[in-house]
């Protein structure tokens, strides 16, 4: 992953959005021997600091799960994450299936794809097994504690690719 740099005060206009004197963030990627510089007035998200589509998608799913804050969001958040993970598994499986059979098991790319598939399926199974039941007879404080327990269980299931 690349590193983001913060500039307190621009010495000159950087683009239409960032003018002289503004603070901004910048980061670069090496592409074909050249460096491409990206700038933003806000700190870059993790998805912006990688060029891997797989990693961008995983970070997006993790960020969506991190945004769950209430009991109303739990089930829909899990369903959404599971659908996104299923799509990612399908994409990885398609890539693996398109490789010649001898390379699927012997090459590092084939092994990486299989490891990703296995990790994603484990993550999906863990999310689907989270007990989201909240007893209505609990006090508001106990309900809040139960919601927090569920959120922590969801976050602890994240694989950390």
C-alpha atoms as a PDB file:
ATOM      1  CA  UNK A   1       0.000   0.000   0.000  1.00  0.00           C
ATOM      2  CA  UNK A   2       1.240   3.446  -0.838  1.00  0.00           C
ATOM      3  CA  UNK A   3       1.733   6.224   1.678  1.00  0.00           C
ATOM      4  CA  UNK A   4      -0.309   9.434   1.884  1.00  0.00           C
ATOM      5  CA  UNK A   5       1.406  12.732   2.578  1.00  0.00           C
ATOM      6  CA  UNK A   6      -0.154  15.856   4.099  1.00  0.00           C
ATOM      7  CA  UNK A   7       0.746  19.358   2.936  1.00  0.00           C
ATOM      8  CA  UNK A   8      -0.224  22.143   5.352  1.00  0.00           C
ATOM      9  CA  UNK A   9      -0.059  24.932   2.809  1.00  0.00           C
ATOM     10  CA  UNK A  10       0.154  24.652  -0.973  1.00  0.00           C
ATOM     11  CA  UNK A  11       2.854  26.888  -2.454  1.00  0.00           C
ATOM     12  CA  UNK A  12       0.937  27.216  -5.707  1.00  0.00           C
ATOM     13  CA  UNK A  13      -2.365  26.171  -7.263  1.00  0.00           C
ATOM     14  CA  UNK A  14      -2.375  22.377  -7.559  1.00  0.00           C
ATOM     15  CA  UNK A  15      -5.605  22.026  -9.528  1.00  0.00           C
ATOM     16  CA  UNK A  16      -9.033  23.684  -9.812  1.00  0.00           C
ATOM     17  CA  UNK A  17      -9.976  22.496  -6.321  1.00  0.00           C
ATOM     18  CA  UNK A  18      -6.716  23.075  -4.402  1.00  0.00           C
ATOM     19  CA  UNK A  19      -5.504  26.648  -4.515  1.00  0.00           C
ATOM     20  CA  UNK A  20      -2.377  28.327  -3.154  1.00  0.00           C
ATOM     21  CA  UNK A  21      -2.481  28.277   0.657  1.00  0.00           C
ATOM     22  CA  UNK A  22      -4.902  25.333   0.927  1.00  0.00           C
ATOM     23  CA  UNK A  23      -3.954  22.186   2.790  1.00  0.00           C
ATOM     24  CA  UNK A  24      -4.196  18.892   0.908  1.00  0.00           C
ATOM     25  CA  UNK A  25      -3.155  15.226   0.784  1.00  0.00           C
ATOM     26  CA  UNK A  26      -1.121  13.574  -1.975  1.00  0.00           C
ATOM     27  CA  UNK A  27       0.008  10.045  -2.849  1.00  0.00           C
ATOM     28  CA  UNK A  28       1.557   8.341  -5.869  1.00  0.00           C
ATOM     29  CA  UNK A  29       1.534   5.037  -7.710  1.00  0.00           C
ATOM     30  CA  UNK A  30       4.169   3.781 -10.065  1.00  0.00           C
ATOM     31  CA  UNK A  31       2.653   2.858 -13.408  1.00  0.00           C
ATOM     32  CA  UNK A  32       4.841   1.674 -16.264  1.00  0.00           C
ATOM     33  CA  UNK A  33       7.943   3.430 -14.966  1.00  0.00           C
ATOM     34  CA  UNK A  34       6.161   6.729 -14.355  1.00  0.00           C
ATOM     35  CA  UNK A  35       4.680   8.008 -11.125  1.00  0.00           C
ATOM     36  CA  UNK A  36       1.096   9.198 -11.148  1.00  0.00           C
ATOM     37  CA  UNK A  37       0.280  11.723  -8.430  1.00  0.00           C
ATOM     38  CA  UNK A  38      -3.154  11.922  -6.810  1.00  0.00           C
ATOM     39  CA  UNK A  39      -4.301  14.834  -4.649  1.00  0.00           C
ATOM     40  CA  UNK A  40      -7.305  15.427  -2.404  1.00  0.00           C
ATOM     41  CA  UNK A  41      -8.475  17.984   0.130  1.00  0.00           C
ATOM     42  CA  UNK A  42      -9.572  15.142   2.409  1.00  0.00           C
ATOM     43  CA  UNK A  43      -7.492  12.233   3.690  1.00  0.00           C
ATOM     44  CA  UNK A  44      -7.600   9.356   1.200  1.00  0.00           C
ATOM     45  CA  UNK A  45      -9.632   6.278   2.050  1.00  0.00           C
ATOM     46  CA  UNK A  46      -7.923   2.902   2.160  1.00  0.00           C
ATOM     47  CA  UNK A  47      -9.489   2.030  -1.206  1.00  0.00           C
ATOM     48  CA  UNK A  48      -7.683   4.979  -2.786  1.00  0.00           C
ATOM     49  CA  UNK A  49      -4.285   3.794  -1.555  1.00  0.00           C
ATOM     50  CA  UNK A  50      -4.269   0.482  -3.403  1.00  0.00           C
ATOM     51  CA  UNK A  51      -4.425  -0.473  -7.053  1.00  0.00           C
ATOM     52  CA  UNK A  52      -5.743  -3.981  -6.384  1.00  0.00           C
ATOM     53  CA  UNK A  53      -9.426  -4.283  -7.324  1.00  0.00           C
ATOM     54  CA  UNK A  54      -9.750  -7.216  -4.917  1.00  0.00           C
ATOM     55  CA  UNK A  55      -8.351  -5.208  -2.008  1.00  0.00           C
ATOM     56  CA  UNK A  56     -10.514  -2.197  -2.904  1.00  0.00           C
ATOM     57  CA  UNK A  57     -13.605  -4.413  -2.777  1.00  0.00           C
ATOM     58  CA  UNK A  58     -12.607  -6.007   0.543  1.00  0.00           C
ATOM     59  CA  UNK A  59     -11.932  -2.584   2.066  1.00  0.00           C
ATOM     60  CA  UNK A  60     -15.319  -1.393   0.827  1.00  0.00           C
ATOM     61  CA  UNK A  61     -17.077  -4.338   2.480  1.00  0.00           C
ATOM     62  CA  UNK A  62     -15.148  -3.800   5.710  1.00  0.00           C
ATOM     63  CA  UNK A  63     -15.988  -0.084   5.700  1.00  0.00           C
ATOM     64  CA  UNK A  64     -19.675  -0.871   5.158  1.00  0.00           C
ATOM     65  CA  UNK A  65     -19.596  -3.272   8.108  1.00  0.00           C
ATOM     66  CA  UNK A  66     -17.803  -0.655  10.217  1.00  0.00           C
ATOM     67  CA  UNK A  67     -20.639   1.770   9.508  1.00  0.00           C
ATOM     68  CA  UNK A  68     -23.147  -0.448  11.345  1.00  0.00           C
ATOM     69  CA  UNK A  69     -24.078   1.480  14.467  1.00  0.00           C
ATOM     70  CA  UNK A  70     -27.633   0.481  15.380  1.00  0.00           C
ATOM     71  CA  UNK A  71     -29.864  -2.571  15.702  1.00  0.00           C
ATOM     72  CA  UNK A  72     -31.764  -1.491  12.576  1.00  0.00           C
ATOM     73  CA  UNK A  73     -28.593  -1.615  10.481  1.00  0.00           C
ATOM     74  CA  UNK A  74     -27.303  -5.030  11.602  1.00  0.00           C
ATOM     75  CA  UNK A  75     -29.314  -7.445   9.452  1.00  0.00           C
ATOM     76  CA  UNK A  76     -29.294  -5.296   6.318  1.00  0.00           C
ATOM     77  CA  UNK A  77     -25.563  -4.634   6.767  1.00  0.00           C
ATOM     78  CA  UNK A  78     -24.803  -8.338   7.063  1.00  0.00           C
ATOM     79  CA  UNK A  79     -27.007  -9.187   4.055  1.00  0.00           C
ATOM     80  CA  UNK A  80     -25.331  -6.506   1.976  1.00  0.00           C
ATOM     81  CA  UNK A  81     -21.850  -7.686   2.999  1.00  0.00           C
ATOM     82  CA  UNK A  82     -22.691 -11.327   2.261  1.00  0.00           C
ATOM     83  CA  UNK A  83     -23.957 -10.391  -1.225  1.00  0.00           C
ATOM     84  CA  UNK A  84     -20.792  -8.380  -1.913  1.00  0.00           C
ATOM     85  CA  UNK A  85     -18.608 -11.239  -0.644  1.00  0.00           C
ATOM     86  CA  UNK A  86     -20.511 -13.720  -2.842  1.00  0.00           C
ATOM     87  CA  UNK A  87     -19.815 -11.484  -5.849  1.00  0.00           C
ATOM     88  CA  UNK A  88     -16.126 -11.341  -4.931  1.00  0.00           C
ATOM     89  CA  UNK A  89     -15.968 -15.135  -4.495  1.00  0.00           C
ATOM     90  CA  UNK A  90     -17.630 -15.576  -7.885  1.00  0.00           C
ATOM     91  CA  UNK A  91     -15.145 -13.183  -9.506  1.00  0.00           C
ATOM     92  CA  UNK A  92     -12.150 -14.987  -7.945  1.00  0.00           C
ATOM     93  CA  UNK A  93     -13.581 -18.374  -8.915  1.00  0.00           C
ATOM     94  CA  UNK A  94     -14.086 -17.207 -12.516  1.00  0.00           C
ATOM     95  CA  UNK A  95     -10.465 -16.045 -12.659  1.00  0.00           C
ATOM     96  CA  UNK A  96      -9.261 -19.331 -11.222  1.00  0.00           C
ATOM     97  CA  UNK A  97     -11.414 -21.351 -13.633  1.00  0.00           C
ATOM     98  CA  UNK A  98     -10.067 -19.392 -16.615  1.00  0.00           C
ATOM     99  CA  UNK A  99      -6.502 -20.457 -15.781  1.00  0.00           C
ATOM    100  CA  UNK A 100      -5.087 -23.622 -17.338  1.00  0.00           C
ATOM    101  CA  UNK A 101      -5.692 -26.559 -15.003  1.00  0.00           C
ATOM    102  CA  UNK A 102      -2.022 -27.249 -14.295  1.00  0.00           C
ATOM    103  CA  UNK A 103      -1.491 -23.613 -13.238  1.00  0.00           C
ATOM    104  CA  UNK A 104      -4.495 -23.548 -10.904  1.00  0.00           C
ATOM    105  CA  UNK A 105      -2.698 -25.628  -8.304  1.00  0.00           C
ATOM    106  CA  UNK A 106       0.975 -25.132  -9.077  1.00  0.00           C
ATOM    107  CA  UNK A 107       1.283 -21.383  -9.701  1.00  0.00           C
ATOM    108  CA  UNK A 108       1.409 -18.726  -7.016  1.00  0.00           C
ATOM    109  CA  UNK A 109      -1.465 -16.900  -8.751  1.00  0.00           C
ATOM    110  CA  UNK A 110      -3.675 -19.978  -8.640  1.00  0.00           C
ATOM    111  CA  UNK A 111      -2.815 -20.618  -5.006  1.00  0.00           C
ATOM    112  CA  UNK A 112      -3.472 -16.969  -4.115  1.00  0.00           C
ATOM    113  CA  UNK A 113      -6.883 -17.067  -5.792  1.00  0.00           C
ATOM    114  CA  UNK A 114      -7.784 -20.291  -3.957  1.00  0.00           C
ATOM    115  CA  UNK A 115      -6.665 -18.801  -0.620  1.00  0.00           C
ATOM    116  CA  UNK A 116      -8.773 -15.719  -1.287  1.00  0.00           C
ATOM    117  CA  UNK A 117     -11.798 -17.849  -2.144  1.00  0.00           C
ATOM    118  CA  UNK A 118     -11.387 -19.918   1.019  1.00  0.00           C
ATOM    119  CA  UNK A 119     -10.923 -16.829   3.215  1.00  0.00           C
ATOM    120  CA  UNK A 120     -13.926 -15.084   1.678  1.00  0.00           C
ATOM    121  CA  UNK A 121     -16.116 -18.150   2.151  1.00  0.00           C
ATOM    122  CA  UNK A 122     -15.002 -18.427   5.788  1.00  0.00           C
ATOM    123  CA  UNK A 123     -15.787 -14.734   6.279  1.00  0.00           C
ATOM    124  CA  UNK A 124     -19.198 -15.169   4.672  1.00  0.00           C
ATOM    125  CA  UNK A 125     -19.986 -18.233   6.822  1.00  0.00           C
ATOM    126  CA  UNK A 126     -18.947 -16.356   9.967  1.00  0.00           C
ATOM    127  CA  UNK A 127     -21.140 -13.373   9.105  1.00  0.00           C
ATOM    128  CA  UNK A 128     -24.107 -15.630   8.363  1.00  0.00           C
ATOM    129  CA  UNK A 129     -23.686 -17.405  11.694  1.00  0.00           C
ATOM    130  CA  UNK A 130     -23.759 -14.195  13.760  1.00  0.00           C
ATOM    131  CA  UNK A 131     -26.681 -14.319  16.184  1.00  0.00           C
ATOM    132  CA  UNK A 132     -28.532 -11.055  15.533  1.00  0.00           C
ATOM    133  CA  UNK A 133     -31.435 -11.725  17.882  1.00  0.00           C
ATOM    134  CA  UNK A 134     -32.139  -8.995  20.424  1.00  0.00           C
ATOM    135  CA  UNK A 135     -34.626  -9.924  23.130  1.00  0.00           C
ATOM    136  CA  UNK A 136     -37.383  -7.306  23.331  1.00  0.00           C
ATOM    137  CA  UNK A 137     -37.778  -7.878  27.073  1.00  0.00           C
ATOM    138  CA  UNK A 138     -34.333  -6.402  27.741  1.00  0.00           C
ATOM    139  CA  UNK A 139     -33.914  -2.897  29.122  1.00  0.00           C
ATOM    140  CA  UNK A 140     -32.650  -0.199  26.775  1.00  0.00           C
ATOM    141  CA  UNK A 141     -29.181  -0.401  28.293  1.00  0.00           C
ATOM    142  CA  UNK A 142     -29.093  -4.188  27.893  1.00  0.00           C
ATOM    143  CA  UNK A 143     -30.297  -3.844  24.280  1.00  0.00           C
ATOM    144  CA  UNK A 144     -27.527  -1.334  23.598  1.00  0.00           C
ATOM    145  CA  UNK A 145     -24.981  -3.733  25.129  1.00  0.00           C
ATOM    146  CA  UNK A 146     -26.327  -6.586  22.991  1.00  0.00           C
ATOM    147  CA  UNK A 147     -26.108  -4.425  19.854  1.00  0.00           C
ATOM    148  CA  UNK A 148     -22.516  -3.566  20.744  1.00  0.00           C
ATOM    149  CA  UNK A 149     -21.691  -7.280  21.244  1.00  0.00           C
ATOM    150  CA  UNK A 150     -23.117  -8.094  17.804  1.00  0.00           C
ATOM    151  CA  UNK A 151     -21.166  -5.253  16.184  1.00  0.00           C
ATOM    152  CA  UNK A 152     -17.951  -6.429  17.854  1.00  0.00           C
ATOM    153  CA  UNK A 153     -18.598  -9.987  16.655  1.00  0.00           C
ATOM    154  CA  UNK A 154     -19.108  -8.726  13.098  1.00  0.00           C
ATOM    155  CA  UNK A 155     -15.920  -6.662  13.216  1.00  0.00           C
ATOM    156  CA  UNK A 156     -13.879  -9.508  14.690  1.00  0.00           C
ATOM    157  CA  UNK A 157     -14.901 -11.686  11.738  1.00  0.00           C
ATOM    158  CA  UNK A 158     -13.119  -9.407   9.249  1.00  0.00           C
ATOM    159  CA  UNK A 159     -10.275 -11.365   7.633  1.00  0.00           C
ATOM    160  CA  UNK A 160      -7.714  -8.564   7.246  1.00  0.00           C
ATOM    161  CA  UNK A 161      -6.374  -9.366   3.770  1.00  0.00           C
END
